[in-house]
Amino acid sequence: MNGDWLLRGRDGRLTVYLPSGDAVLCRAERGPTGSWEDTPRTVGGSQKVHPGAAVGQGADGYAHLAAWRPTVPGESGLVHSTHFRPGLAPLDWVPIGHPDQKGDRTGPPAVAVDGAGRGYVFVRNKGGGVSLRNQKVKGGWGGWLDLGGPEVEGELAAVTGESGFVELYACVPGGILRWRQEGDGKKPVRAEGVDAPVRPGTLRALATSVEHTTLFFTDLSGDLCAWRPGEKPVTLLASAGPGPVSAVRCVIEGHDCTVLAQRSASGRVAFAAYPTEQESAGAWWTESGPPLPADAMVSVALDEHDEVVAASLSPSAGTVLLTRRKDEPGLALEAWREI
């Protein structure tokens, strides 16, 4: 899953989105901090999709999902679904086509939702750049737009700033490319990037202030770095393990903090926290929970009380584990439990 797959809905309940063979499933809390639905729902109806779906969420709490589906032998097309509220079934998958009109999968999609609740689906095209299709101001979908940017590698990182404008980050050999909207409903345009030795597949972006989004990535030496446009990347700490971090902003003891989570090399989930946009304050990993399978993913979110909640998902084991922050100083967590 590309993006945060543990989300808080507009009613405060949490939902997890789960890959399952040729489908994407969702499962929600029955009530805030309560029990969970026994049976997951299938996203998009009975239509089969390829693994590697993407999830994004708007300020309205609605989740937008995109995935590749098989069409004719050797070809695929992208589909989109919206999930309005935990406890409801997501809408059926709607075909939105292929960035090159036809062909097979070109890369994993990424999804962001602008301040007006419109979905933006980004994907690499056959030329190695990025293409976009988004919902229009007056409804429906616009045509595919080629945003350029050759030699894009790995997963894309899409994010919506506090301004409500969408941004996209992509890894290329020796650096990071960035696109940004300059106005409501405008086509994202190339903006300032940065030269950096980036490991593909490790990008994760988070809105960290009215002015900035922060991009987290792992460099080729294995360090986790943070970058905000207009500044130089800074090394935060050594990466706990492979893959991207999951990140969320929260208030801890009255301070605006950024919490990071990542499956560590030991197999457990590692957490770190530091004052938001103050990487110079330092951070360190603290491991939590049982060792997880190699394919395990981690996602962090805020619950209805704006407290940190984290989930781990192992597709091979078919298990989802959950923990929440305790009512104690610091980032103390409850025991992990299976839902």
C-alpha atoms as a PDB file:
ATOM      1  CA  MET A   1       0.000   0.000   0.000  1.00  0.00           C
ATOM      2  CA  ASN A   2       1.386   3.394  -0.995  1.00  0.00           C
ATOM      3  CA  GLY A   3       0.409   6.057   1.542  1.00  0.00           C
ATOM      4  CA  ASP A   4      -1.093   5.923   5.018  1.00  0.00           C
ATOM      5  CA  TRP A   5      -3.393   2.901   5.198  1.00  0.00           C
ATOM      6  CA  LEU A   6      -4.491   3.507   8.811  1.00  0.00           C
ATOM      7  CA  LEU A   7      -6.906   6.462   8.712  1.00  0.00           C
ATOM      8  CA  ARG A   8      -9.257   8.273  11.077  1.00  0.00           C
ATOM      9  CA  GLY A   9     -12.651   8.888   9.517  1.00  0.00           C
ATOM     10  CA  ARG A  10     -14.740  12.011   9.935  1.00  0.00           C
ATOM     11  CA  ASP A  11     -16.669  10.350  12.792  1.00  0.00           C
ATOM     12  CA  GLY A  12     -13.448   9.589  14.704  1.00  0.00           C
ATOM     13  CA  ARG A  13     -13.393   5.868  13.975  1.00  0.00           C
ATOM     14  CA  LEU A  14     -10.291   4.243  12.548  1.00  0.00           C
ATOM     15  CA  THR A  15     -10.137   2.211   9.337  1.00  0.00           C
ATOM     16  CA  VAL A  16      -7.368  -0.047   8.061  1.00  0.00           C
ATOM     17  CA  TYR A  17      -6.980  -0.767   4.332  1.00  0.00           C
ATOM     18  CA  LEU A  18      -5.562  -4.192   3.599  1.00  0.00           C
ATOM     19  CA  PRO A  19      -4.147  -5.820   0.463  1.00  0.00           C
ATOM     20  CA  SER A  20      -5.629  -9.263  -0.062  1.00  0.00           C
ATOM     21  CA  GLY A  21      -4.712 -11.141  -3.217  1.00  0.00           C
ATOM     22  CA  ASP A  22      -6.605  -9.509  -6.087  1.00  0.00           C
ATOM     23  CA  ALA A  23      -8.600  -7.165  -3.825  1.00  0.00           C
ATOM     24  CA  VAL A  24      -8.265  -4.360  -1.294  1.00  0.00           C
ATOM     25  CA  LEU A  25     -10.156  -4.798   1.958  1.00  0.00           C
ATOM     26  CA  CYS A  26     -11.133  -2.280   4.640  1.00  0.00           C
ATOM     27  CA  ARG A  27     -12.031  -2.863   8.251  1.00  0.00           C
ATOM     28  CA  ALA A  28     -13.281  -0.257  10.716  1.00  0.00           C
ATOM     29  CA  GLU A  29     -13.786   0.254  14.422  1.00  0.00           C
ATOM     30  CA  ARG A  30     -17.358  -0.233  15.565  1.00  0.00           C
ATOM     31  CA  GLY A  31     -16.911   2.838  17.765  1.00  0.00           C
ATOM     32  CA  PRO A  32     -14.077   5.101  18.838  1.00  0.00           C
ATOM     33  CA  THR A  33     -11.429   3.097  20.771  1.00  0.00           C
ATOM     34  CA  GLY A  34     -13.823   0.172  20.694  1.00  0.00           C
ATOM     35  CA  SER A  35     -14.005  -3.232  19.053  1.00  0.00           C
ATOM     36  CA  TRP A  36     -13.493  -3.780  15.332  1.00  0.00           C
ATOM     37  CA  GLU A  37     -15.751  -5.176  12.644  1.00  0.00           C
ATOM     38  CA  ASP A  38     -15.470  -8.943  12.436  1.00  0.00           C
ATOM     39  CA  THR A  39     -15.573  -9.100   8.646  1.00  0.00           C
ATOM     40  CA  PRO A  40     -13.691  -6.717   6.363  1.00  0.00           C
ATOM     41  CA  ARG A  41     -15.423  -5.044   3.434  1.00  0.00           C
ATOM     42  CA  THR A  42     -14.102  -5.263  -0.130  1.00  0.00           C
ATOM     43  CA  VAL A  43     -13.164  -1.940  -1.697  1.00  0.00           C
ATOM     44  CA  GLY A  44     -14.685  -1.261  -5.104  1.00  0.00           C
ATOM     45  CA  GLY A  45     -17.019  -4.223  -5.406  1.00  0.00           C
ATOM     46  CA  SER A  46     -16.143  -7.509  -7.098  1.00  0.00           C
ATOM     47  CA  GLN A  47     -13.680  -6.088  -9.644  1.00  0.00           C
ATOM     48  CA  LYS A  48     -10.198  -7.621  -9.357  1.00  0.00           C
ATOM     49  CA  VAL A  49      -7.147  -5.395  -8.963  1.00  0.00           C
ATOM     50  CA  HIS A  50      -3.395  -5.861  -8.943  1.00  0.00           C
ATOM     51  CA  PRO A  51      -1.393  -5.540  -5.705  1.00  0.00           C
ATOM     52  CA  GLY A  52       0.037  -2.132  -4.881  1.00  0.00           C
ATOM     53  CA  ALA A  53      -2.987   0.107  -4.258  1.00  0.00           C
ATOM     54  CA  ALA A  54      -2.544   3.687  -3.061  1.00  0.00           C
ATOM     55  CA  VAL A  55      -4.507   5.556  -0.403  1.00  0.00           C
ATOM     56  CA  GLY A  56      -4.968   9.269   0.294  1.00  0.00           C
ATOM     57  CA  GLN A  57      -7.283  11.231   2.558  1.00  0.00           C
ATOM     58  CA  GLY A  58      -8.806  14.684   2.382  1.00  0.00           C
ATOM     59  CA  ALA A  59      -9.552  17.190   5.113  1.00  0.00           C
ATOM     60  CA  ASP A  60     -13.186  16.023   4.864  1.00  0.00           C
ATOM     61  CA  GLY A  61     -12.091  12.605   6.123  1.00  0.00           C
ATOM     62  CA  TYR A  62     -12.947  10.816   2.878  1.00  0.00           C
ATOM     63  CA  ALA A  63     -10.431   8.218   1.689  1.00  0.00           C
ATOM     64  CA  HIS A  64      -9.497   7.983  -1.982  1.00  0.00           C
ATOM     65  CA  LEU A  65      -7.953   4.796  -3.361  1.00  0.00           C
ATOM     66  CA  ALA A  66      -6.338   3.979  -6.702  1.00  0.00           C
ATOM     67  CA  ALA A  67      -5.120   0.678  -8.093  1.00  0.00           C
ATOM     68  CA  TRP A  68      -4.243  -1.051 -11.338  1.00  0.00           C
ATOM     69  CA  ARG A  69      -6.736  -3.595 -12.655  1.00  0.00           C
ATOM     70  CA  PRO A  70      -6.201  -6.181 -15.415  1.00  0.00           C
ATOM     71  CA  THR A  71      -8.039  -5.329 -18.639  1.00  0.00           C
ATOM     72  CA  VAL A  72      -7.006  -7.472 -21.629  1.00  0.00           C
ATOM     73  CA  PRO A  73      -4.070  -9.917 -21.545  1.00  0.00           C
ATOM     74  CA  GLY A  74      -0.824  -8.023 -20.995  1.00  0.00           C
ATOM     75  CA  GLU A  75      -2.547  -4.690 -20.291  1.00  0.00           C
ATOM     76  CA  SER A  76      -3.932  -2.866 -17.291  1.00  0.00           C
ATOM     77  CA  GLY A  77      -5.801   0.314 -16.421  1.00  0.00           C
ATOM     78  CA  LEU A  78      -6.127   2.429 -13.312  1.00  0.00           C
ATOM     79  CA  VAL A  79      -9.274   2.557 -11.186  1.00  0.00           C
ATOM     80  CA  HIS A  80     -10.397   4.864  -8.370  1.00  0.00           C
ATOM     81  CA  SER A  81     -12.729   4.459  -5.399  1.00  0.00           C
ATOM     82  CA  THR A  82     -13.924   6.765  -2.630  1.00  0.00           C
ATOM     83  CA  HIS A  83     -14.698   5.678   0.918  1.00  0.00           C
ATOM     84  CA  PHE A  84     -16.839   8.248   2.690  1.00  0.00           C
ATOM     85  CA  ARG A  85     -17.101   6.880   6.205  1.00  0.00           C
ATOM     86  CA  PRO A  86     -16.039   3.904   8.353  1.00  0.00           C
ATOM     87  CA  GLY A  87     -18.821   1.349   8.485  1.00  0.00           C
ATOM     88  CA  LEU A  88     -19.997   2.106   4.956  1.00  0.00           C
ATOM     89  CA  ALA A  89     -18.939   0.182   1.868  1.00  0.00           C
ATOM     90  CA  PRO A  90     -16.528   2.081  -0.405  1.00  0.00           C
ATOM     91  CA  LEU A  91     -17.822   3.016  -3.845  1.00  0.00           C
ATOM     92  CA  ASP A  92     -17.286   0.723  -6.819  1.00  0.00           C
ATOM     93  CA  TRP A  93     -14.018   1.091  -8.716  1.00  0.00           C
ATOM     94  CA  VAL A  94     -14.307   3.678 -11.498  1.00  0.00           C
ATOM     95  CA  PRO A  95     -11.953   3.238 -14.491  1.00  0.00           C
ATOM     96  CA  ILE A  96      -9.726   6.280 -15.060  1.00  0.00           C
ATOM     97  CA  GLY A  97      -7.603   4.827 -17.857  1.00  0.00           C
ATOM     98  CA  HIS A  98      -3.893   4.570 -18.573  1.00  0.00           C
ATOM     99  CA  PRO A  99      -1.319   7.416 -18.696  1.00  0.00           C
ATOM    100  CA  ASP A 100      -0.162   6.150 -22.111  1.00  0.00           C
ATOM    101  CA  GLN A 101      -3.699   5.334 -23.333  1.00  0.00           C
ATOM    102  CA  LYS A 102      -2.961   1.613 -23.155  1.00  0.00           C
ATOM    103  CA  GLY A 103      -0.311  -0.831 -21.999  1.00  0.00           C
ATOM    104  CA  ASP A 104       0.670  -2.677 -18.859  1.00  0.00           C
ATOM    105  CA  ARG A 105       1.383  -1.243 -15.423  1.00  0.00           C
ATOM    106  CA  THR A 106       3.970   1.529 -15.466  1.00  0.00           C
ATOM    107  CA  GLY A 107       4.570   1.937 -11.740  1.00  0.00           C
ATOM    108  CA  PRO A 108       2.796   2.180  -8.393  1.00  0.00           C
ATOM    109  CA  PRO A 109       0.223   4.981  -8.161  1.00  0.00           C
ATOM    110  CA  ALA A 110       0.076   7.666  -5.473  1.00  0.00           C
ATOM    111  CA  VAL A 111      -3.011   9.554  -4.305  1.00  0.00           C
ATOM    112  CA  ALA A 112      -3.541  12.969  -2.732  1.00  0.00           C
ATOM    113  CA  VAL A 113      -6.743  14.920  -2.038  1.00  0.00           C
ATOM    114  CA  ASP A 114      -6.797  18.704  -2.324  1.00  0.00           C
ATOM    115  CA  GLY A 115      -8.445  21.138   0.072  1.00  0.00           C
ATOM    116  CA  ALA A 116     -11.719  20.957  -1.852  1.00  0.00           C
ATOM    117  CA  GLY A 117     -11.867  17.158  -1.612  1.00  0.00           C
ATOM    118  CA  ARG A 118     -10.809  16.381  -5.192  1.00  0.00           C
ATOM    119  CA  GLY A 119      -8.691  13.266  -5.783  1.00  0.00           C
ATOM    120  CA  TYR A 120      -5.356  13.390  -7.625  1.00  0.00           C
ATOM    121  CA  VAL A 121      -3.879  10.143  -8.984  1.00  0.00           C
ATOM    122  CA  PHE A 122      -0.199  10.216  -9.931  1.00  0.00           C
ATOM    123  CA  VAL A 123       1.690   7.430 -11.690  1.00  0.00           C
ATOM    124  CA  ARG A 124       4.888   6.949 -13.648  1.00  0.00           C
ATOM    125  CA  ASN A 125       4.414   6.771 -17.433  1.00  0.00           C
ATOM    126  CA  LYS A 126       6.278   4.728 -20.045  1.00  0.00           C
ATOM    127  CA  GLY A 127       8.611   7.677 -20.714  1.00  0.00           C
ATOM    128  CA  GLY A 128       9.873   7.511 -17.140  1.00  0.00           C
ATOM    129  CA  GLY A 129       8.166  10.745 -16.099  1.00  0.00           C
ATOM    130  CA  VAL A 130       5.008  11.321 -14.073  1.00  0.00           C
ATOM    131  CA  SER A 131       1.425  11.575 -15.293  1.00  0.00           C
ATOM    132  CA  LEU A 132      -1.600  12.866 -13.404  1.00  0.00           C
ATOM    133  CA  ARG A 133      -5.336  12.538 -13.650  1.00  0.00           C
ATOM    134  CA  ASN A 134      -7.505  14.455 -11.192  1.00  0.00           C
ATOM    135  CA  GLN A 135     -11.106  15.221 -10.425  1.00  0.00           C
ATOM    136  CA  LYS A 136     -12.291  18.524 -11.889  1.00  0.00           C
ATOM    137  CA  VAL A 137     -13.572  21.591 -10.092  1.00  0.00           C
ATOM    138  CA  LYS A 138     -17.087  21.064 -11.480  1.00  0.00           C
ATOM    139  CA  GLY A 139     -17.109  17.287 -11.143  1.00  0.00           C
ATOM    140  CA  GLY A 140     -15.918  14.354 -13.219  1.00  0.00           C
ATOM    141  CA  TRP A 141     -12.346  13.674 -14.236  1.00  0.00           C
ATOM    142  CA  GLY A 142      -9.994  15.736 -16.343  1.00  0.00           C
ATOM    143  CA  GLY A 143      -7.745  14.204 -18.968  1.00  0.00           C
ATOM    144  CA  TRP A 144      -4.317  12.739 -18.323  1.00  0.00           C
ATOM    145  CA  LEU A 145      -1.568  15.338 -17.862  1.00  0.00           C
ATOM    146  CA  ASP A 146       2.119  14.646 -18.459  1.00  0.00           C
ATOM    147  CA  LEU A 147       4.073  16.415 -15.708  1.00  0.00           C
ATOM    148  CA  GLY A 148       7.490  15.450 -17.107  1.00  0.00           C
ATOM    149  CA  GLY A 149      10.479  14.325 -15.045  1.00  0.00           C
ATOM    150  CA  PRO A 150      12.474  11.492 -16.670  1.00  0.00           C
ATOM    151  CA  GLU A 151      14.007   8.480 -14.897  1.00  0.00           C
ATOM    152  CA  VAL A 152      11.581   8.393 -11.981  1.00  0.00           C
ATOM    153  CA  GLU A 153      12.201   5.399  -9.709  1.00  0.00           C
ATOM    154  CA  GLY A 154      10.254   3.629  -6.960  1.00  0.00           C
ATOM    155  CA  GLU A 155       7.086   4.807  -5.259  1.00  0.00           C
ATOM    156  CA  LEU A 156       5.902   8.386  -5.524  1.00  0.00           C
ATOM    157  CA  ALA A 157       5.077  10.439  -2.418  1.00  0.00           C
ATOM    158  CA  ALA A 158       1.968  12.622  -2.707  1.00  0.00           C
ATOM    159  CA  VAL A 159       0.876  15.021   0.039  1.00  0.00           C
ATOM    160  CA  THR A 160      -1.514  17.906   0.602  1.00  0.00           C
ATOM    161  CA  GLY A 161      -0.115  20.932   2.391  1.00  0.00           C
ATOM    162  CA  GLU A 162      -2.007  22.888   5.029  1.00  0.00           C
ATOM    163  CA  SER A 163      -2.800  25.316   2.201  1.00  0.00           C
ATOM    164  CA  GLY A 164      -4.929  22.607   0.588  1.00  0.00           C
ATOM    165  CA  PHE A 165      -2.582  22.473  -2.411  1.00  0.00           C
ATOM    166  CA  VAL A 166      -1.189  19.147  -3.605  1.00  0.00           C
ATOM    167  CA  GLU A 167       2.516  18.349  -3.831  1.00  0.00           C
ATOM    168  CA  LEU A 168       4.332  15.371  -5.310  1.00  0.00           C
ATOM    169  CA  TYR A 169       7.847  14.044  -4.728  1.00  0.00           C
ATOM    170  CA  ALA A 170       9.692  11.525  -6.894  1.00  0.00           C
ATOM    171  CA  CYS A 171      13.069   9.844  -6.671  1.00  0.00           C
ATOM    172  CA  VAL A 172      15.439  10.032  -9.649  1.00  0.00           C
ATOM    173  CA  PRO A 173      19.113   9.011  -9.911  1.00  0.00           C
ATOM    174  CA  GLY A 174      21.025  11.411  -7.690  1.00  0.00           C
ATOM    175  CA  GLY A 175      18.102  13.467  -6.467  1.00  0.00           C
ATOM    176  CA  ILE A 176      14.471  14.272  -5.754  1.00  0.00           C
ATOM    177  CA  LEU A 177      11.954  15.967  -8.063  1.00  0.00           C
ATOM    178  CA  ARG A 178       9.058  18.033  -6.750  1.00  0.00           C
ATOM    179  CA  TRP A 179       5.799  19.330  -8.204  1.00  0.00           C
ATOM    180  CA  ARG A 180       3.469  21.790  -6.498  1.00  0.00           C
ATOM    181  CA  GLN A 181       0.098  23.386  -7.165  1.00  0.00           C
ATOM    182  CA  GLU A 182       0.207  27.170  -7.296  1.00  0.00           C
ATOM    183  CA  GLY A 183      -3.548  27.644  -6.889  1.00  0.00           C
ATOM    184  CA  ASP A 184      -6.837  25.856  -6.326  1.00  0.00           C
ATOM    185  CA  GLY A 185      -7.478  23.308  -9.074  1.00  0.00           C
ATOM    186  CA  LYS A 186      -4.279  24.263 -10.914  1.00  0.00           C
ATOM    187  CA  LYS A 187      -2.028  21.750 -12.645  1.00  0.00           C
ATOM    188  CA  PRO A 188       0.960  20.902 -10.398  1.00  0.00           C
ATOM    189  CA  VAL A 189       4.168  22.307 -11.881  1.00  0.00           C
ATOM    190  CA  ARG A 190       7.813  21.463 -11.392  1.00  0.00           C
ATOM    191  CA  ALA A 191       9.257  23.291  -8.407  1.00  0.00           C
ATOM    192  CA  GLU A 192      12.550  23.261  -6.569  1.00  0.00           C
ATOM    193  CA  GLY A 193      14.060  19.783  -6.199  1.00  0.00           C
ATOM    194  CA  VAL A 194      17.283  18.730  -4.526  1.00  0.00           C
ATOM    195  CA  ASP A 195      20.395  16.735  -5.339  1.00  0.00           C
ATOM    196  CA  ALA A 196      20.735  13.906  -2.840  1.00  0.00           C
ATOM    197  CA  PRO A 197      21.774  10.227  -2.840  1.00  0.00           C
ATOM    198  CA  VAL A 198      18.271   8.830  -2.343  1.00  0.00           C
ATOM    199  CA  ARG A 199      17.335   5.189  -1.942  1.00  0.00           C
ATOM    200  CA  PRO A 200      14.267   4.546  -4.161  1.00  0.00           C
ATOM    201  CA  GLY A 201      11.121   3.431  -2.389  1.00  0.00           C
ATOM    202  CA  THR A 202      11.803   5.385   0.817  1.00  0.00           C
ATOM    203  CA  LEU A 203       9.969   8.683   0.268  1.00  0.00           C
ATOM    204  CA  ARG A 204       7.297   9.841   2.718  1.00  0.00           C
ATOM    205  CA  ALA A 205       5.947  13.405   2.889  1.00  0.00           C
ATOM    206  CA  LEU A 206       4.129  15.131   5.749  1.00  0.00           C
ATOM    207  CA  ALA A 207       2.586  18.600   6.079  1.00  0.00           C
ATOM    208  CA  THR A 208       4.509  20.098   9.022  1.00  0.00           C
ATOM    209  CA  SER A 209       3.445  23.778   9.024  1.00  0.00           C
ATOM    210  CA  VAL A 210       1.412  26.300   7.063  1.00  0.00           C
ATOM    211  CA  GLU A 211       4.490  27.066   4.966  1.00  0.00           C
ATOM    212  CA  HIS A 212       6.141  23.668   4.614  1.00  0.00           C
ATOM    213  CA  THR A 213       5.874  20.007   3.929  1.00  0.00           C
ATOM    214  CA  THR A 214       8.746  17.812   5.093  1.00  0.00           C
ATOM    215  CA  LEU A 215       9.989  14.927   2.968  1.00  0.00           C
ATOM    216  CA  PHE A 216      11.605  11.989   4.728  1.00  0.00           C
ATOM    217  CA  PHE A 217      13.887   9.669   2.783  1.00  0.00           C
ATOM    218  CA  THR A 218      16.705   7.201   3.315  1.00  0.00           C
ATOM    219  CA  ASP A 219      20.012   8.009   1.652  1.00  0.00           C
ATOM    220  CA  LEU A 220      22.384   5.470   0.146  1.00  0.00           C
ATOM    221  CA  SER A 221      24.395   5.243   3.371  1.00  0.00           C
ATOM    222  CA  GLY A 222      21.291   4.162   5.301  1.00  0.00           C
ATOM    223  CA  ASP A 223      20.572   7.415   7.128  1.00  0.00           C
ATOM    224  CA  LEU A 224      17.057   8.786   7.465  1.00  0.00           C
ATOM    225  CA  CYS A 225      17.022  12.363   6.179  1.00  0.00           C
ATOM    226  CA  ALA A 226      14.514  15.208   6.241  1.00  0.00           C
ATOM    227  CA  TRP A 227      14.189  17.897   3.571  1.00  0.00           C
ATOM    228  CA  ARG A 228      12.076  21.013   3.214  1.00  0.00           C
ATOM    229  CA  PRO A 229      12.213  23.029  -0.011  1.00  0.00           C
ATOM    230  CA  GLY A 230      14.422  26.075   0.381  1.00  0.00           C
ATOM    231  CA  GLU A 231      16.703  24.242   2.795  1.00  0.00           C
ATOM    232  CA  LYS A 232      19.322  21.512   2.563  1.00  0.00           C
ATOM    233  CA  PRO A 233      18.511  17.920   3.555  1.00  0.00           C
ATOM    234  CA  VAL A 234      19.543  17.096   7.114  1.00  0.00           C
ATOM    235  CA  THR A 235      20.362  13.712   8.605  1.00  0.00           C
ATOM    236  CA  LEU A 236      17.942  12.871  11.395  1.00  0.00           C
ATOM    237  CA  LEU A 237      19.162   9.443  12.519  1.00  0.00           C
ATOM    238  CA  ALA A 238      20.120   6.075  11.086  1.00  0.00           C
ATOM    239  CA  SER A 239      17.228   4.341   9.368  1.00  0.00           C
ATOM    240  CA  ALA A 240      15.702   1.625  11.551  1.00  0.00           C
ATOM    241  CA  GLY A 241      15.082  -0.642   8.574  1.00  0.00           C
ATOM    242  CA  PRO A 242      14.180  -0.757   4.878  1.00  0.00           C
ATOM    243  CA  GLY A 243      11.293   1.016   3.256  1.00  0.00           C
ATOM    244  CA  PRO A 244       9.661   4.364   4.003  1.00  0.00           C
ATOM    245  CA  VAL A 245       8.767   5.630   7.448  1.00  0.00           C
ATOM    246  CA  SER A 246       5.222   6.441   8.453  1.00  0.00           C
ATOM    247  CA  ALA A 247       4.853   9.881  10.003  1.00  0.00           C
ATOM    248  CA  VAL A 248       2.238  11.895  11.873  1.00  0.00           C
ATOM    249  CA  ARG A 249       2.138  15.183  13.798  1.00  0.00           C
ATOM    250  CA  CYS A 250       0.738  15.225  17.309  1.00  0.00           C
ATOM    251  CA  VAL A 251       0.944  17.115  20.591  1.00  0.00           C
ATOM    252  CA  ILE A 252       3.070  15.432  23.264  1.00  0.00           C
ATOM    253  CA  GLU A 253       3.145  17.174  26.645  1.00  0.00           C
ATOM    254  CA  GLY A 254       2.149  20.444  25.039  1.00  0.00           C
ATOM    255  CA  HIS A 255       4.722  20.302  22.227  1.00  0.00           C
ATOM    256  CA  ASP A 256       4.052  19.955  18.486  1.00  0.00           C
ATOM    257  CA  CYS A 257       5.960  16.766  17.638  1.00  0.00           C
ATOM    258  CA  THR A 258       6.517  14.558  14.623  1.00  0.00           C
ATOM    259  CA  VAL A 259       6.294  10.831  15.329  1.00  0.00           C
ATOM    260  CA  LEU A 260       8.004   8.387  12.971  1.00  0.00           C
ATOM    261  CA  ALA A 261       7.510   4.627  12.792  1.00  0.00           C
ATOM    262  CA  GLN A 262       9.327   1.997  10.762  1.00  0.00           C
ATOM    263  CA  ARG A 263       9.762  -1.775  10.766  1.00  0.00           C
ATOM    264  CA  SER A 264      13.270  -2.210  12.123  1.00  0.00           C
ATOM    265  CA  ALA A 265      15.986  -4.590  10.993  1.00  0.00           C
ATOM    266  CA  SER A 266      15.171  -6.731  14.054  1.00  0.00           C
ATOM    267  CA  GLY A 267      11.585  -7.102  12.821  1.00  0.00           C
ATOM    268  CA  ARG A 268       9.990  -5.034  15.585  1.00  0.00           C
ATOM    269  CA  VAL A 269       8.394  -1.612  15.106  1.00  0.00           C
ATOM    270  CA  ALA A 270      10.688   1.305  15.918  1.00  0.00           C
ATOM    271  CA  PHE A 271       9.350   4.717  16.976  1.00  0.00           C
ATOM    272  CA  ALA A 272      11.054   8.109  17.159  1.00  0.00           C
ATOM    273  CA  ALA A 273       9.696  11.552  18.032  1.00  0.00           C
ATOM    274  CA  TYR A 274      11.104  15.061  17.894  1.00  0.00           C
ATOM    275  CA  PRO A 275       9.824  18.670  17.874  1.00  0.00           C
ATOM    276  CA  THR A 276       8.272  19.310  14.459  1.00  0.00           C
ATOM    277  CA  GLU A 277      10.695  20.934  11.975  1.00  0.00           C
ATOM    278  CA  GLN A 278      13.436  20.949  14.637  1.00  0.00           C
ATOM    279  CA  GLU A 279      15.588  18.082  13.429  1.00  0.00           C
ATOM    280  CA  SER A 280      18.591  19.586  15.214  1.00  0.00           C
ATOM    281  CA  ALA A 281      16.954  18.571  18.512  1.00  0.00           C
ATOM    282  CA  GLY A 282      17.771  14.960  17.624  1.00  0.00           C
ATOM    283  CA  ALA A 283      15.750  11.773  17.708  1.00  0.00           C
ATOM    284  CA  TRP A 284      16.326   8.149  18.579  1.00  0.00           C
ATOM    285  CA  TRP A 285      14.528   4.885  17.925  1.00  0.00           C
ATOM    286  CA  THR A 286      12.679   2.877  20.558  1.00  0.00           C
ATOM    287  CA  GLU A 287      11.487  -0.574  19.510  1.00  0.00           C
ATOM    288  CA  SER A 288       8.082  -1.922  20.447  1.00  0.00           C
ATOM    289  CA  GLY A 289       5.973  -5.037  20.014  1.00  0.00           C
ATOM    290  CA  PRO A 290       6.802  -8.531  18.744  1.00  0.00           C
ATOM    291  CA  PRO A 291       9.073  -9.357  15.778  1.00  0.00           C
ATOM    292  CA  LEU A 292       7.121  -9.153  12.516  1.00  0.00           C
ATOM    293  CA  PRO A 293       7.442 -10.965   9.177  1.00  0.00           C
ATOM    294  CA  ALA A 294       9.679  -9.400   6.538  1.00  0.00           C
ATOM    295  CA  ASP A 295       6.692  -8.120   4.533  1.00  0.00           C
ATOM    296  CA  ALA A 296       5.161  -6.248   7.478  1.00  0.00           C
ATOM    297  CA  MET A 297       4.150  -2.611   7.000  1.00  0.00           C
ATOM    298  CA  VAL A 298       3.598   0.061   9.627  1.00  0.00           C
ATOM    299  CA  SER A 299       1.268   3.064   9.668  1.00  0.00           C
ATOM    300  CA  VAL A 300       0.635   5.736  12.305  1.00  0.00           C
ATOM    301  CA  ALA A 301      -2.359   8.037  12.729  1.00  0.00           C
ATOM    302  CA  LEU A 302      -4.238   9.997  15.380  1.00  0.00           C
ATOM    303  CA  ASP A 303      -7.337   8.653  17.107  1.00  0.00           C
ATOM    304  CA  GLU A 304     -10.449  10.622  18.055  1.00  0.00           C
ATOM    305  CA  HIS A 305      -8.572  12.119  21.021  1.00  0.00           C
ATOM    306  CA  ASP A 306      -5.672  13.187  18.769  1.00  0.00           C
ATOM    307  CA  GLU A 307      -3.451  10.583  20.421  1.00  0.00           C
ATOM    308  CA  VAL A 308      -0.994   8.446  18.461  1.00  0.00           C
ATOM    309  CA  VAL A 309      -2.193   5.053  17.293  1.00  0.00           C
ATOM    310  CA  ALA A 310      -0.084   2.632  15.233  1.00  0.00           C
ATOM    311  CA  ALA A 311      -0.844  -0.490  13.252  1.00  0.00           C
ATOM    312  CA  SER A 312       1.311  -3.177  11.687  1.00  0.00           C
ATOM    313  CA  LEU A 313       0.115  -5.301   8.797  1.00  0.00           C
ATOM    314  CA  SER A 314       1.649  -8.518   7.520  1.00  0.00           C
ATOM    315  CA  PRO A 315       0.052  -9.677   4.247  1.00  0.00           C
ATOM    316  CA  SER A 316       1.740 -13.096   4.467  1.00  0.00           C
ATOM    317  CA  ALA A 317       0.514 -13.714   8.012  1.00  0.00           C
ATOM    318  CA  GLY A 318      -2.828 -11.997   7.465  1.00  0.00           C
ATOM    319  CA  THR A 319      -2.643 -10.226  10.804  1.00  0.00           C
ATOM    320  CA  VAL A 320      -3.089  -6.614  11.879  1.00  0.00           C
ATOM    321  CA  LEU A 321      -1.700  -5.516  15.243  1.00  0.00           C
ATOM    322  CA  LEU A 322      -2.612  -2.228  16.915  1.00  0.00           C
ATOM    323  CA  THR A 323      -1.261  -0.089  19.745  1.00  0.00           C
ATOM    324  CA  ARG A 324      -2.164   3.293  21.226  1.00  0.00           C
ATOM    325  CA  ARG A 325      -0.344   5.880  23.284  1.00  0.00           C
ATOM    326  CA  LYS A 326      -0.858   5.500  27.020  1.00  0.00           C
ATOM    327  CA  ASP A 327      -1.962   8.337  29.272  1.00  0.00           C
ATOM    328  CA  GLU A 328       1.610   8.747  30.492  1.00  0.00           C
ATOM    329  CA  PRO A 329       4.475  11.187  29.838  1.00  0.00           C
ATOM    330  CA  GLY A 330       6.377  10.743  26.583  1.00  0.00           C
ATOM    331  CA  LEU A 331       5.503   8.262  23.861  1.00  0.00           C
ATOM    332  CA  ALA A 332       4.590   5.287  26.049  1.00  0.00           C
ATOM    333  CA  LEU A 333       2.492   2.729  24.174  1.00  0.00           C
ATOM    334  CA  GLU A 334       0.008   0.077  25.199  1.00  0.00           C
ATOM    335  CA  ALA A 335       0.666  -3.603  24.516  1.00  0.00           C
ATOM    336  CA  TRP A 336       0.108  -4.538  20.875  1.00  0.00           C
ATOM    337  CA  ARG A 337      -3.057  -6.518  20.214  1.00  0.00           C
ATOM    338  CA  GLU A 338      -4.462  -8.269  17.192  1.00  0.00           C
ATOM    339  CA  ILE A 339      -7.672  -6.853  15.770  1.00  0.00           C
END
